[in-house]
């Protein structure tokens, strides 16, 4: 009898000419390994060189300018030293052993990776609060502001985790709750990264390298206190890949796959991107159930039904959100129309550079994908590729078409799950390049090295920038300096994007009690986009730093622009009274009550004037 191969494993194609030294397969394998080394060396050189260039054209690489010199260059050396084979050989046995433990001792490897990941993100909490809606989310949680006012489009699970939970436990500091949740989710992401290598049947150094590529992306910064659904979306993206591959290749984990997609649909509308990967996994894996009649089991039925029911339940709301929020704000905004429409705006202005920066910030080794894919094509499993590409393509579509309101430099969280999907595909190809222990002709100084030596270069090459981003977000002064450089250095950004960045600076400087800097930032924001909200914040900042005349000047400008704004009239009344202008204070207070009858502060102010 002929021994059958286990399901999901494909016999590698082999030819006599490829088995010989110098065969085409060996040459392609060597070229793939060499391209990895070249990519990592190029990234290290770029990060070092751009540390001295006062520009934000390459903002994904110039991070070291905004870090303390010692830690910055020490972390850079973490990626540069392994490029020397003699150094990498010292660490290769440990990395090989760690990868073997993933497959042979998961009871040890999984908890160890989970604890290490949780500790890593816990030690460096984000104090800059720059990414995405960080400030707004924290403000809503601290002030218990109704979510239907600030986030009407948010889905139930998002609000439960990031608003209702801190309120329910009466947390005095919502950031602490987010840090605890972030550490727990980072631990889960680490374990899923290891599970991904098991789904690919990687062992040894190849497994270690693939797991590092998945976990150590720029998106790791979301786990250090940021409170929005995009953090959980990163974890769920890895989970969809793991359970999708397990079902497609082995007929296992159908219920887990369905539950993961269901959670995503309850969490954020971008989870619609999971559906193609789920359907692809179903198409490849249902044959396993059909052979054993396992499709009749309750777990299998639930795995198929849960996401379909969830999709039917949330689809009307998702369509409504797309029409009322996403379309006018992110896909067909005034800026998009001014750039010539959705397609022409994809690479308009600085967007092409920002797209490159965004990808390399989230998943730096993705730069090697265009080379690794063709070189390793004959070695790749079509089933694995189908699932991972079905997961990646929808996110790539969103990356190209979505225009975040605050720009990619700040709103990179919108694309964090896309970065994870890119890392998953990259990790798959890296694992294939390092899977074969045979020596192969390679490009560069690693020609004489083993795959384990190159794996050290990969692991430390992705760890270095990930650690730098964590440290950067933890250093608030340096984080603010980077935002100011973004506003003052080339390239020139759109006025709306700059106004929002200045508003962020004003908010953070106010929280840090740097009142002069806050007022100056609000002034810049109001000059670029003189909206009632920005004018009001500017006026309050001027009053906070004691410049009452300037505050009244701005408030008079504001009420002339937005007369129905009761809050502005009340502020004008208070500032006028502080300046001794009781007549002006009385008139402003009366205007406040005309707009908001029964306003308590205005009534008390009038009573105080009458007593005088």
Protein backbone atom coordinates (compact mmCIF):
# COMPACT_ATOMS: atom_id res chain seq x y z
CA UNK A 1 0.00 0.00 0.00
CA UNK A 2 0.99 3.58 -0.64
CA UNK A 3 1.21 5.66 2.47
CA UNK A 4 -1.20 8.59 2.25
CA UNK A 5 -0.11 12.09 3.13
CA UNK A 6 -1.98 13.89 5.92
CA UNK A 7 -4.72 16.23 4.83
CA UNK A 8 -3.62 19.75 4.15
CA UNK A 9 -0.02 18.79 3.27
CA UNK A 10 1.05 19.02 -0.31
CA UNK A 11 3.97 17.13 -1.68
CA UNK A 12 6.62 19.59 -2.79
CA UNK A 13 7.28 19.57 -6.48
CA UNK A 14 10.74 18.28 -7.21
CA UNK A 15 12.76 17.74 -10.33
CA UNK A 16 16.16 16.21 -10.81
CA UNK A 17 17.61 19.49 -12.03
CA UNK A 18 16.32 21.25 -8.89
CA UNK A 19 17.74 18.65 -6.53
CA UNK A 20 21.25 19.24 -7.76
CA UNK A 21 23.30 22.05 -6.31
CA UNK A 22 22.64 25.19 -8.29
CA UNK A 23 19.21 23.96 -9.51
CA UNK A 24 16.57 26.60 -10.21
CA UNK A 25 14.64 25.88 -6.99
CA UNK A 26 17.83 26.13 -4.94
CA UNK A 27 18.78 29.34 -6.70
CA UNK A 28 15.32 30.84 -6.06
CA UNK A 29 15.50 29.82 -2.42
CA UNK A 30 18.92 31.40 -2.07
CA UNK A 31 17.75 34.56 -3.82
CA UNK A 32 14.74 34.75 -1.51
CA UNK A 33 16.95 34.52 1.56
CA UNK A 34 19.31 37.07 0.12
CA UNK A 35 16.46 39.46 -0.63
CA UNK A 36 15.37 39.23 3.00
CA UNK A 37 18.84 40.18 4.17
CA UNK A 38 19.02 43.05 1.68
CA UNK A 39 15.59 44.35 2.71
CA UNK A 40 16.48 44.37 6.39
CA UNK A 41 19.88 45.95 5.73
CA UNK A 42 18.24 48.64 3.59
CA UNK A 43 15.70 49.41 6.30
CA UNK A 44 18.45 49.76 8.90
CA UNK A 45 20.50 52.06 6.67
CA UNK A 46 17.44 54.18 5.85
CA UNK A 47 16.52 54.61 9.52
CA UNK A 48 20.07 55.67 10.37
CA UNK A 49 20.46 58.09 7.47
CA UNK A 50 17.07 59.76 7.85
CA UNK A 51 17.70 60.39 11.54
CA UNK A 52 19.63 63.48 10.40
CA UNK A 53 17.18 64.81 7.79
CA UNK A 54 14.78 67.56 9.00
CA UNK A 55 11.81 66.42 6.95
CA UNK A 56 8.69 64.31 7.43
CA UNK A 57 8.55 63.02 3.87
CA UNK A 58 9.80 59.69 5.29
CA UNK A 59 8.09 59.88 8.69
CA UNK A 60 8.17 56.09 9.12
CA UNK A 61 11.98 56.16 9.13
CA UNK A 62 12.91 59.42 10.85
CA UNK A 63 11.67 58.36 14.27
CA UNK A 64 15.13 58.27 15.84
CA UNK A 65 15.32 62.09 15.66
CA UNK A 66 12.65 62.19 18.35
CA UNK A 67 14.11 59.64 20.75
CA UNK A 68 16.87 59.96 23.38
CA UNK A 69 20.15 59.31 21.58
CA UNK A 70 21.22 56.39 23.77
CA UNK A 71 18.05 54.28 23.53
CA UNK A 72 17.49 55.27 19.88
CA UNK A 73 20.85 54.06 18.64
CA UNK A 74 20.89 51.07 20.97
CA UNK A 75 17.61 49.89 19.47
CA UNK A 76 18.93 50.64 15.98
CA UNK A 77 21.97 48.49 16.75
CA UNK A 78 19.58 45.70 17.70
CA UNK A 79 18.69 45.50 14.01
CA UNK A 80 22.10 46.37 12.59
CA UNK A 81 24.39 43.99 14.51
CA UNK A 82 22.62 40.79 13.37
CA UNK A 83 23.48 41.75 9.79
CA UNK A 84 26.98 40.57 10.69
CA UNK A 85 26.81 36.74 10.42
CA UNK A 86 29.30 36.20 13.23
CA UNK A 87 26.95 37.97 15.63
CA UNK A 88 23.82 36.18 14.37
CA UNK A 89 25.43 32.78 14.75
CA UNK A 90 25.71 33.37 18.48
CA UNK A 91 21.93 33.74 18.83
CA UNK A 92 20.86 31.20 16.22
CA UNK A 93 20.77 28.14 18.55
CA UNK A 94 18.52 29.93 21.06
CA UNK A 95 16.18 31.04 18.30
CA UNK A 96 16.11 27.52 16.88
CA UNK A 97 15.22 26.11 20.28
CA UNK A 98 12.49 28.68 20.83
CA UNK A 99 10.93 27.78 17.49
CA UNK A 100 11.06 24.08 18.27
CA UNK A 101 9.29 24.75 21.57
CA UNK A 102 6.36 26.30 19.70
CA UNK A 103 5.61 22.97 18.08
CA UNK A 104 6.88 20.53 20.69
CA UNK A 105 6.11 22.29 23.99
CA UNK A 106 3.19 24.69 23.38
CA UNK A 107 2.23 24.39 27.06
CA UNK A 108 5.46 26.28 27.80
CA UNK A 109 5.83 28.49 24.71
CA UNK A 110 2.32 29.96 24.74
CA UNK A 111 2.25 31.19 28.38
CA UNK A 112 5.82 32.47 28.10
CA UNK A 113 5.02 34.48 24.98
CA UNK A 114 1.80 35.79 26.53
CA UNK A 115 3.50 37.02 29.70
CA UNK A 116 6.35 38.59 27.75
CA UNK A 117 3.95 40.44 25.44
CA UNK A 118 1.78 41.71 28.30
CA UNK A 119 4.82 42.91 30.23
CA UNK A 120 6.27 44.63 27.18
CA UNK A 121 3.23 46.83 26.49
CA UNK A 122 2.58 47.42 30.19
CA UNK A 123 6.02 48.92 30.78
CA UNK A 124 5.66 51.62 28.11
CA UNK A 125 2.18 53.20 28.34
CA UNK A 126 1.30 55.69 25.63
CA UNK A 127 1.48 59.19 27.14
CA UNK A 128 1.44 61.12 23.87
CA UNK A 129 -2.17 60.23 22.97
CA UNK A 130 -1.69 61.29 19.35
CA UNK A 131 -2.95 58.38 17.30
CA UNK A 132 -6.48 58.58 15.91
CA UNK A 133 -9.24 59.47 18.35
CA UNK A 134 -7.13 58.72 21.44
CA UNK A 135 -7.80 62.12 23.05
CA UNK A 136 -11.50 62.10 22.18
CA UNK A 137 -12.05 58.56 23.45
CA UNK A 138 -10.25 59.27 26.71
CA UNK A 139 -12.17 62.51 27.15
CA UNK A 140 -15.48 60.76 26.61
CA UNK A 141 -14.62 58.02 29.10
CA UNK A 142 -13.34 60.47 31.73
CA UNK A 143 -16.29 62.83 31.38
CA UNK A 144 -18.87 60.09 30.83
CA UNK A 145 -20.03 61.92 27.71
CA UNK A 146 -22.93 60.13 25.94
CA UNK A 147 -21.52 58.04 23.15
CA UNK A 148 -24.45 58.67 20.81
CA UNK A 149 -23.21 62.26 20.64
CA UNK A 150 -19.53 61.59 19.86
CA UNK A 151 -19.57 58.13 18.26
CA UNK A 152 -23.04 57.46 16.82
CA UNK A 153 -21.53 54.97 14.36
CA UNK A 154 -19.75 52.86 17.01
CA UNK A 155 -20.95 49.25 17.36
CA UNK A 156 -22.06 47.65 20.66
CA UNK A 157 -18.92 45.66 21.49
CA UNK A 158 -16.68 48.66 20.87
CA UNK A 159 -18.71 50.82 23.27
CA UNK A 160 -18.93 48.03 25.83
CA UNK A 161 -15.17 47.60 26.02
CA UNK A 162 -14.04 51.20 25.72
CA UNK A 163 -16.81 53.24 27.33
CA UNK A 164 -19.32 51.22 29.34
CA UNK A 165 -16.75 49.01 31.10
CA UNK A 166 -14.71 51.88 32.63
CA UNK A 167 -17.96 53.59 33.63
CA UNK A 168 -19.42 50.41 35.16
CA UNK A 169 -16.44 49.81 37.42
CA UNK A 170 -16.20 53.54 38.26
CA UNK A 171 -12.59 53.66 37.17
CA UNK A 172 -11.04 56.96 38.26
CA UNK A 173 -8.53 56.64 35.40
CA UNK A 174 -9.92 55.05 32.20
CA UNK A 175 -6.39 54.88 30.80
CA UNK A 176 -5.58 52.24 33.44
CA UNK A 177 -8.51 50.12 32.28
CA UNK A 178 -7.36 50.42 28.68
CA UNK A 179 -3.83 49.46 29.63
CA UNK A 180 -5.05 46.33 31.43
CA UNK A 181 -7.21 45.37 28.47
CA UNK A 182 -4.37 46.18 26.08
CA UNK A 183 -1.92 43.97 27.98
CA UNK A 184 -4.40 41.08 27.98
CA UNK A 185 -5.06 41.49 24.26
CA UNK A 186 -1.33 41.75 23.50
CA UNK A 187 -0.89 38.43 25.33
CA UNK A 188 -3.64 36.91 23.17
CA UNK A 189 -2.07 38.35 20.02
CA UNK A 190 1.27 36.79 20.95
CA UNK A 191 -0.29 33.36 21.47
CA UNK A 192 -2.19 33.63 18.20
CA UNK A 193 1.05 34.57 16.43
CA UNK A 194 2.56 31.32 17.66
CA UNK A 195 -0.60 29.46 16.68
CA UNK A 196 -0.23 30.92 13.19
CA UNK A 197 3.18 29.30 12.82
CA UNK A 198 1.69 25.99 13.97
CA UNK A 199 -1.05 26.32 11.36
CA UNK A 200 1.71 26.77 8.76
CA UNK A 201 3.54 23.73 10.24
CA UNK A 202 6.72 25.72 10.74
CA UNK A 203 9.40 24.58 13.13
CA UNK A 204 12.66 25.86 14.55
CA UNK A 205 14.03 29.23 13.54
CA UNK A 206 11.46 29.60 10.74
CA UNK A 207 8.67 29.47 13.33
CA UNK A 208 10.38 32.05 15.54
CA UNK A 209 10.89 34.42 12.61
CA UNK A 210 7.32 34.10 11.34
CA UNK A 211 5.82 34.67 14.80
CA UNK A 212 7.99 37.78 15.28
CA UNK A 213 6.93 39.24 11.93
CA UNK A 214 3.25 38.84 12.88
CA UNK A 215 3.46 40.21 16.41
CA UNK A 216 6.13 42.91 16.16
CA UNK A 217 4.48 45.43 13.88
CA UNK A 218 3.92 49.14 14.37
CA UNK A 219 0.36 48.34 15.44
CA UNK A 220 1.79 47.04 18.73
CA UNK A 221 1.54 50.63 19.97
CA UNK A 222 -2.25 50.33 20.09
CA UNK A 223 -1.94 47.95 23.05
CA UNK A 224 -0.39 50.55 25.38
CA UNK A 225 -3.52 52.48 26.38
CA UNK A 226 -5.36 53.35 23.18
CA UNK A 227 -9.09 52.72 23.55
CA UNK A 228 -10.89 51.93 20.32
CA UNK A 229 -12.02 48.88 18.37
CA UNK A 230 -9.06 48.95 15.99
CA UNK A 231 -6.96 47.37 18.74
CA UNK A 232 -9.22 44.33 18.97
CA UNK A 233 -9.42 44.22 15.18
CA UNK A 234 -5.67 43.51 15.11
CA UNK A 235 -6.14 40.49 17.39
CA UNK A 236 -9.15 39.23 15.46
CA UNK A 237 -7.31 39.54 12.14
CA UNK A 238 -4.65 37.10 13.37
CA UNK A 239 -7.40 34.84 14.74
CA UNK A 240 -9.22 34.74 11.39
CA UNK A 241 -5.98 33.71 9.70
CA UNK A 242 -5.26 30.98 12.27
CA UNK A 243 -8.71 29.46 12.38
CA UNK A 244 -9.30 29.99 8.67
CA UNK A 245 -6.13 28.04 7.82
CA UNK A 246 -6.93 25.31 10.32
CA UNK A 247 -10.34 24.79 8.78
CA UNK A 248 -9.21 25.12 5.16
CA UNK A 249 -6.29 22.70 5.54
CA UNK A 250 -7.50 20.31 8.24
CA UNK A 251 -11.25 20.77 8.66
CA UNK A 252 -10.77 22.03 12.25
CA UNK A 253 -11.75 25.17 14.19
CA UNK A 254 -14.90 25.97 12.21
CA UNK A 255 -16.73 27.15 15.32
CA UNK A 256 -13.79 29.31 16.37
CA UNK A 257 -13.64 30.86 12.91
CA UNK A 258 -17.35 31.64 12.97
CA UNK A 259 -17.18 33.05 16.49
CA UNK A 260 -14.23 35.27 15.55
CA UNK A 261 -16.01 36.77 12.55
CA UNK A 262 -19.15 37.24 14.66
CA UNK A 263 -17.19 39.15 17.31
CA UNK A 264 -15.66 41.30 14.60
CA UNK A 265 -19.05 42.20 13.15
CA UNK A 266 -20.22 43.27 16.62
CA UNK A 267 -17.04 45.31 17.09
CA UNK A 268 -16.40 47.40 13.99
CA UNK A 269 -17.75 47.76 10.47
CA UNK A 270 -14.31 47.08 8.97
CA UNK A 271 -14.81 43.43 10.04
CA UNK A 272 -16.68 42.99 6.76
CA UNK A 273 -13.18 42.44 5.39
CA UNK A 274 -13.15 39.10 7.26
CA UNK A 275 -16.01 37.69 5.20
CA UNK A 276 -14.03 36.86 2.01
CA UNK A 277 -11.40 34.97 4.04
CA UNK A 278 -14.12 33.09 5.92
CA UNK A 279 -15.92 32.13 2.71
CA UNK A 280 -12.62 31.03 1.14
CA UNK A 281 -11.83 28.86 4.16
CA UNK A 282 -15.33 27.38 3.97
CA UNK A 283 -14.90 26.57 0.27
CA UNK A 284 -11.62 24.78 0.95
CA UNK A 285 -12.53 23.10 4.23
CA UNK A 286 -16.08 21.86 3.82
CA UNK A 287 -14.80 18.84 1.94
CA UNK A 288 -13.29 17.62 5.21
CA UNK A 289 -16.68 17.81 6.92
CA UNK A 290 -18.45 16.18 4.01
CA UNK A 291 -16.17 13.13 4.15
CA UNK A 292 -16.83 12.49 7.82
CA UNK A 293 -20.41 13.80 8.00
CA UNK A 294 -19.14 16.18 10.72
CA UNK A 295 -21.21 18.99 9.20
CA UNK A 296 -24.21 17.58 11.09
CA UNK A 297 -22.65 18.25 14.48
CA UNK A 298 -23.95 21.25 16.48
CA UNK A 299 -20.49 22.88 16.57
CA UNK A 300 -20.23 22.82 12.78
CA UNK A 301 -23.75 24.16 12.32
CA UNK A 302 -23.08 26.94 14.82
CA UNK A 303 -19.79 27.79 13.12
CA UNK A 304 -21.62 28.32 9.84
CA UNK A 305 -24.74 29.97 11.26
CA UNK A 306 -23.27 32.43 13.76
CA UNK A 307 -21.52 34.77 11.32
CA UNK A 308 -24.41 34.62 8.86
CA UNK A 309 -26.91 35.62 11.54
CA UNK A 310 -24.59 38.36 12.78
CA UNK A 311 -24.06 39.65 9.26
CA UNK A 312 -27.80 39.79 8.65
CA UNK A 313 -28.30 41.63 11.92
CA UNK A 314 -25.69 44.35 11.44
CA UNK A 315 -25.78 44.78 7.66
CA UNK A 316 -28.58 47.41 7.60
CA UNK A 317 -26.71 49.50 10.18
CA UNK A 318 -23.42 49.09 8.33
CA UNK A 319 -25.01 50.25 5.09
CA UNK A 320 -26.50 53.27 6.87
CA UNK A 321 -23.13 54.13 8.43
CA UNK A 322 -21.41 53.81 5.08
CA UNK A 323 -23.88 56.19 3.45
CA UNK A 324 -24.01 58.78 6.26
CA UNK A 325 -20.45 58.64 7.64
CA UNK A 326 -17.90 56.82 5.51
CA UNK A 327 -18.96 58.02 2.07
CA UNK A 328 -19.09 61.77 2.79
CA UNK A 329 -16.19 61.77 5.27
CA UNK A 330 -13.65 59.22 4.00
CA UNK A 331 -14.46 58.35 0.38
CA UNK A 332 -16.09 61.37 -1.26
CA UNK A 333 -15.15 64.29 0.97
CA UNK A 334 -14.59 67.80 -0.36
CA UNK A 335 -10.83 67.18 -0.42
CA UNK A 336 -11.32 63.99 -2.45
CA UNK A 337 -13.56 65.77 -4.95
CA UNK A 338 -11.07 68.62 -5.23
CA UNK A 339 -8.35 66.07 -6.07
CA UNK A 340 -10.34 64.74 -9.02
CA UNK A 341 -12.42 62.00 -7.43
CA UNK A 342 -11.83 58.73 -5.63
CA UNK A 343 -9.38 57.18 -8.11
CA UNK A 344 -7.29 60.26 -8.90
CA UNK A 345 -7.04 61.15 -5.22
CA UNK A 346 -5.39 57.83 -4.31
CA UNK A 347 -1.91 59.22 -5.00
CA UNK A 348 -2.67 62.94 -4.97
CA UNK A 349 -0.42 65.37 -3.11
CA UNK A 350 1.61 63.73 -0.36
CA UNK A 351 -0.64 60.67 -0.26
CA UNK A 352 1.68 58.39 -2.25
CA UNK A 353 4.52 59.04 0.20
CA UNK A 354 2.17 58.62 3.16
CA UNK A 355 0.97 55.25 1.84
CA UNK A 356 4.54 53.97 1.65
CA UNK A 357 5.32 55.32 5.11
CA UNK A 358 2.16 53.83 6.55
CA UNK A 359 2.88 50.33 5.21
CA UNK A 360 6.49 50.37 6.36
CA UNK A 361 5.54 51.73 9.76
CA UNK A 362 2.94 49.01 10.36
CA UNK A 363 4.72 46.09 8.69
CA UNK A 364 8.31 47.02 7.77
CA UNK A 365 9.29 43.70 6.20
CA UNK A 366 6.35 43.92 3.79
CA UNK A 367 8.83 45.73 1.55
CA UNK A 368 10.13 42.27 0.59
CA UNK A 369 6.77 40.92 -0.62
CA UNK A 370 7.16 41.82 -4.33
CA UNK A 371 10.41 39.82 -4.43
CA UNK A 372 9.61 36.90 -2.13
CA UNK A 373 6.32 36.00 -3.80
CA UNK A 374 7.69 35.29 -7.30
CA UNK A 375 10.85 33.60 -5.99
CA UNK A 376 8.97 31.20 -3.71
CA UNK A 377 5.97 30.65 -5.96
CA UNK A 378 6.67 26.96 -6.61
CA UNK A 379 6.99 26.21 -2.90
CA UNK A 380 3.77 27.85 -1.78
CA UNK A 381 0.55 26.11 -0.73
CA UNK A 382 -2.31 27.39 -2.83
CA UNK A 383 -4.81 26.80 -0.05
CA UNK A 384 -2.80 28.82 2.44
CA UNK A 385 -2.27 31.58 -0.10
CA UNK A 386 -5.97 31.72 -0.98
CA UNK A 387 -7.04 32.26 2.65
CA UNK A 388 -4.35 34.83 3.47
CA UNK A 389 -4.83 36.81 0.27
CA UNK A 390 -8.61 36.79 0.72
CA UNK A 391 -7.96 38.33 4.13
CA UNK A 392 -5.50 40.92 2.80
CA UNK A 393 -7.17 42.17 -0.38
CA UNK A 394 -10.22 43.90 1.21
CA UNK A 395 -7.96 45.70 3.67
CA UNK A 396 -5.69 46.81 0.82
CA UNK A 397 -8.74 48.18 -0.98
CA UNK A 398 -9.63 50.22 2.09
CA UNK A 399 -6.01 51.39 2.40
CA UNK A 400 -6.12 52.83 -1.11
CA UNK A 401 -9.62 54.31 -1.05
CA UNK A 402 -10.14 55.58 2.49
CA UNK A 403 -9.01 59.13 3.26
CA UNK A 404 -8.82 59.52 7.04
CA UNK A 405 -9.95 62.92 8.26
CA UNK A 406 -6.78 63.61 10.26
CA UNK A 407 -4.38 62.16 7.68
CA UNK A 408 -2.41 58.93 7.68
CA UNK A 409 0.33 60.40 9.88
CA UNK A 410 -2.17 60.49 12.75
CA UNK A 411 -5.03 58.20 11.76
CA UNK A 412 -2.83 55.19 11.03
CA UNK A 413 -5.00 53.22 13.47
CA UNK A 414 -7.66 53.06 10.75
CA UNK A 415 -5.30 50.77 8.82
CA UNK A 416 -3.78 48.76 11.68
CA UNK A 417 -5.67 45.59 10.70
CA UNK A 418 -4.37 46.02 7.14
CA UNK A 419 -0.87 46.11 8.60
CA UNK A 420 -1.56 42.87 10.45
CA UNK A 421 -2.84 41.23 7.26
CA UNK A 422 0.31 42.35 5.44
CA UNK A 423 2.43 40.92 8.25
CA UNK A 424 0.59 37.59 8.04
CA UNK A 425 1.36 37.23 4.33
CA UNK A 426 4.95 38.37 4.92
CA UNK A 427 5.39 35.91 7.79
CA UNK A 428 4.10 33.09 5.59
CA UNK A 429 6.67 33.86 2.89
CA UNK A 430 9.46 34.38 5.41
CA UNK A 431 8.61 31.02 6.96
CA UNK A 432 8.76 29.33 3.58
CA UNK A 433 12.11 30.95 2.80
CA UNK A 434 13.54 29.66 6.09
CA UNK A 435 11.71 26.35 6.28
CA UNK A 436 14.22 24.35 4.23
CA UNK A 437 17.40 23.65 6.23
CA UNK A 438 19.44 23.00 3.08
CA UNK A 439 22.26 25.35 2.16
CA UNK A 440 21.47 27.37 -0.91
CA UNK A 441 23.32 29.98 -2.93
CA UNK A 442 22.31 33.37 -1.56
CA UNK A 443 22.90 37.03 -2.15
CA UNK A 444 24.95 39.09 0.29
CA UNK A 445 27.05 38.20 3.34
CA UNK A 446 24.62 35.54 4.54
CA UNK A 447 25.55 33.26 1.67
CA UNK A 448 27.40 30.92 3.97
CA UNK A 449 24.91 31.15 6.82
CA UNK A 450 22.12 28.80 7.79
CA UNK A 451 18.40 29.72 7.79
CA UNK A 452 18.66 30.05 11.58
CA UNK A 453 21.27 32.80 11.15
CA UNK A 454 19.00 34.71 8.79
CA UNK A 455 16.08 34.17 11.19
CA UNK A 456 18.00 36.11 13.84
CA UNK A 457 18.31 39.01 11.38
CA UNK A 458 14.56 38.86 10.74
CA UNK A 459 13.49 38.70 14.39
CA UNK A 460 15.71 41.55 15.58
CA UNK A 461 15.11 43.51 12.38
CA UNK A 462 11.36 43.74 13.07
CA UNK A 463 11.78 44.03 16.85
CA UNK A 464 13.95 47.14 16.62
CA UNK A 465 11.44 49.54 14.96
CA UNK A 466 8.55 48.10 16.99
CA UNK A 467 10.38 48.87 20.24
CA UNK A 468 11.28 52.34 18.97
CA UNK A 469 7.63 53.14 18.28
CA UNK A 470 6.66 51.97 21.77
CA UNK A 471 9.33 54.14 23.34
CA UNK A 472 8.36 57.13 21.21
CA UNK A 473 4.71 57.01 22.23
CA UNK A 474 5.83 56.69 25.85
CA UNK A 475 7.95 59.88 25.73
CA UNK A 476 5.32 62.65 25.66
CA UNK A 477 7.72 65.56 25.12
CA UNK A 478 9.40 63.86 22.20
CA UNK A 479 6.04 62.78 20.82
CA UNK A 480 4.85 66.39 20.85
CA UNK A 481 8.10 67.50 19.23
CA UNK A 482 7.46 65.08 16.38
CA UNK A 483 3.97 66.52 15.83
CA UNK A 484 5.41 70.04 15.75
CA UNK A 485 8.02 68.91 13.23
CA UNK A 486 5.24 67.45 11.10
CA UNK A 487 3.61 70.89 11.06
CA UNK A 488 6.74 72.95 10.40
CA UNK A 489 8.90 70.75 8.15
CA UNK A 490 8.36 69.77 4.52
CA UNK A 491 6.18 68.62 2.94
CA UNK A 492 3.43 71.20 3.42
CA UNK A 493 0.20 69.53 4.52
CA UNK A 494 -3.41 70.41 3.75
CA UNK A 495 -4.82 73.21 5.95
CA UNK A 496 -7.52 70.99 7.44
CA UNK A 497 -5.02 68.30 8.43
CA UNK A 498 -2.72 70.91 9.97
CA UNK A 499 -5.57 72.56 11.86
CA UNK A 500 -6.54 69.27 13.48
CA UNK A 501 -2.92 68.58 14.45
CA UNK A 502 -2.62 72.03 16.02
CA UNK A 503 -5.88 71.42 17.88
CA UNK A 504 -4.40 68.21 19.25
CA UNK A 505 -1.34 70.13 20.45
CA UNK A 506 -3.57 72.67 22.15
CA UNK A 507 -5.52 69.93 23.91
CA UNK A 508 -2.43 68.06 25.12
CA UNK A 509 -0.60 71.22 26.18
CA UNK A 510 -3.68 72.27 28.16
CA UNK A 511 -3.79 68.90 29.93
CA UNK A 512 -0.07 69.28 30.71
CA UNK A 513 -0.71 72.85 31.98
CA UNK A 514 1.60 74.39 29.40
CA UNK A 515 -0.82 77.24 28.89
CA UNK A 516 1.26 79.49 26.62
CA UNK A 517 1.99 76.64 24.23
CA UNK A 518 -1.68 75.59 24.29
CA UNK A 519 -2.93 79.07 23.38
CA UNK A 520 -0.39 79.40 20.57
CA UNK A 521 -1.41 76.01 19.15
CA UNK A 522 -5.12 76.89 19.27
CA UNK A 523 -4.36 80.21 17.58
CA UNK A 524 -2.64 78.40 14.68
CA UNK A 525 -5.57 75.98 14.42
CA UNK A 526 -8.14 78.78 14.33
CA UNK A 527 -6.16 80.69 11.70
CA UNK A 528 -6.14 77.63 9.44
CA UNK A 529 -9.78 76.65 10.04
CA UNK A 530 -11.72 79.35 11.93
CA UNK A 531 -14.58 77.12 13.04
CA UNK A 532 -16.66 78.05 16.11
CA UNK A 533 -15.18 75.15 18.07
CA UNK A 534 -11.58 76.17 17.39
CA UNK A 535 -12.26 79.85 18.09
CA UNK A 536 -13.89 78.93 21.39
CA UNK A 537 -10.97 76.73 22.46
CA UNK A 538 -8.55 79.50 21.52
CA UNK A 539 -10.47 82.06 23.59
CA UNK A 540 -10.56 79.78 26.63
CA UNK A 541 -6.84 79.08 26.32
CA UNK A 542 -6.10 82.82 26.20
CA UNK A 543 -8.20 83.34 29.34
CA UNK A 544 -6.43 80.44 31.09
CA UNK A 545 -3.04 82.07 30.56
CA UNK A 546 -4.34 85.45 31.76
CA UNK A 547 -4.68 87.29 28.46
CA UNK A 548 -8.27 88.40 29.07
CA UNK A 549 -8.35 91.16 26.46
CA UNK A 550 -7.23 88.74 23.76
CA UNK A 551 -9.78 86.22 24.98
CA UNK A 552 -12.58 88.79 24.72
CA UNK A 553 -11.39 89.81 21.26
CA UNK A 554 -11.62 86.20 20.06
CA UNK A 555 -15.00 85.69 21.73
CA UNK A 556 -16.44 88.80 20.08
CA UNK A 557 -15.22 87.43 16.77
CA UNK A 558 -16.83 84.10 17.62
CA UNK A 559 -20.28 85.44 18.57
CA UNK A 560 -20.23 87.54 15.43
CA UNK A 561 -19.58 84.37 13.44
CA UNK A 562 -21.80 81.97 15.42
CA UNK A 563 -24.38 84.07 17.27
CA UNK A 564 -26.56 81.10 18.37
CA UNK A 565 -23.68 79.56 20.38
CA UNK A 566 -24.81 79.99 24.01
CA UNK A 567 -21.53 78.63 25.34
CA UNK A 568 -19.61 81.43 23.61
CA UNK A 569 -21.90 84.14 25.02
CA UNK A 570 -21.47 82.74 28.52
CA UNK A 571 -17.68 82.75 28.18
CA UNK A 572 -17.85 86.33 26.91
CA UNK A 573 -19.93 87.31 29.94
CA UNK A 574 -17.41 85.72 32.33
CA UNK A 575 -14.37 87.29 30.67
CA UNK A 576 -16.06 90.71 30.50
CA UNK A 577 -16.86 90.56 34.20
CA UNK A 578 -13.25 89.68 35.01
CA UNK A 579 -12.20 92.76 33.03
CA UNK A 580 -14.62 94.94 35.05
CA UNK A 581 -17.01 95.50 32.16
CA UNK A 582 -20.29 94.83 33.97
CA UNK A 583 -22.36 96.29 31.15
CA UNK A 584 -20.85 93.96 28.59
CA UNK A 585 -21.07 91.05 31.03
CA UNK A 586 -24.77 91.69 31.64
CA UNK A 587 -25.54 91.90 27.92
CA UNK A 588 -23.65 88.68 27.18
CA UNK A 589 -25.34 86.85 30.07
CA UNK A 590 -28.76 87.96 28.84
CA UNK A 591 -27.89 86.72 25.36
CA UNK A 592 -26.91 83.39 26.91
CA UNK A 593 -30.31 83.08 28.63
CA UNK A 594 -32.10 84.03 25.43
CA UNK A 595 -30.44 81.09 23.71
CA UNK A 596 -30.50 78.70 26.69
CA UNK A 597 -33.32 79.66 29.10
CA UNK A 598 -32.58 78.60 32.65
CA UNK A 599 -28.80 78.40 32.17
CA UNK A 600 -27.63 78.34 35.78
CA UNK A 601 -24.23 79.96 35.42
CA UNK A 602 -25.65 82.89 33.44
CA UNK A 603 -28.37 83.42 36.04
CA UNK A 604 -25.85 83.43 38.88
CA UNK A 605 -23.67 85.88 36.99
CA UNK A 606 -26.60 88.30 36.53
CA UNK A 607 -27.55 87.98 40.20
CA UNK A 608 -23.96 88.78 41.17
CA UNK A 609 -23.94 91.88 38.97
CA UNK A 610 -27.25 93.03 40.52
CA UNK A 611 -25.86 92.62 44.05
CA UNK A 612 -22.89 94.77 43.12
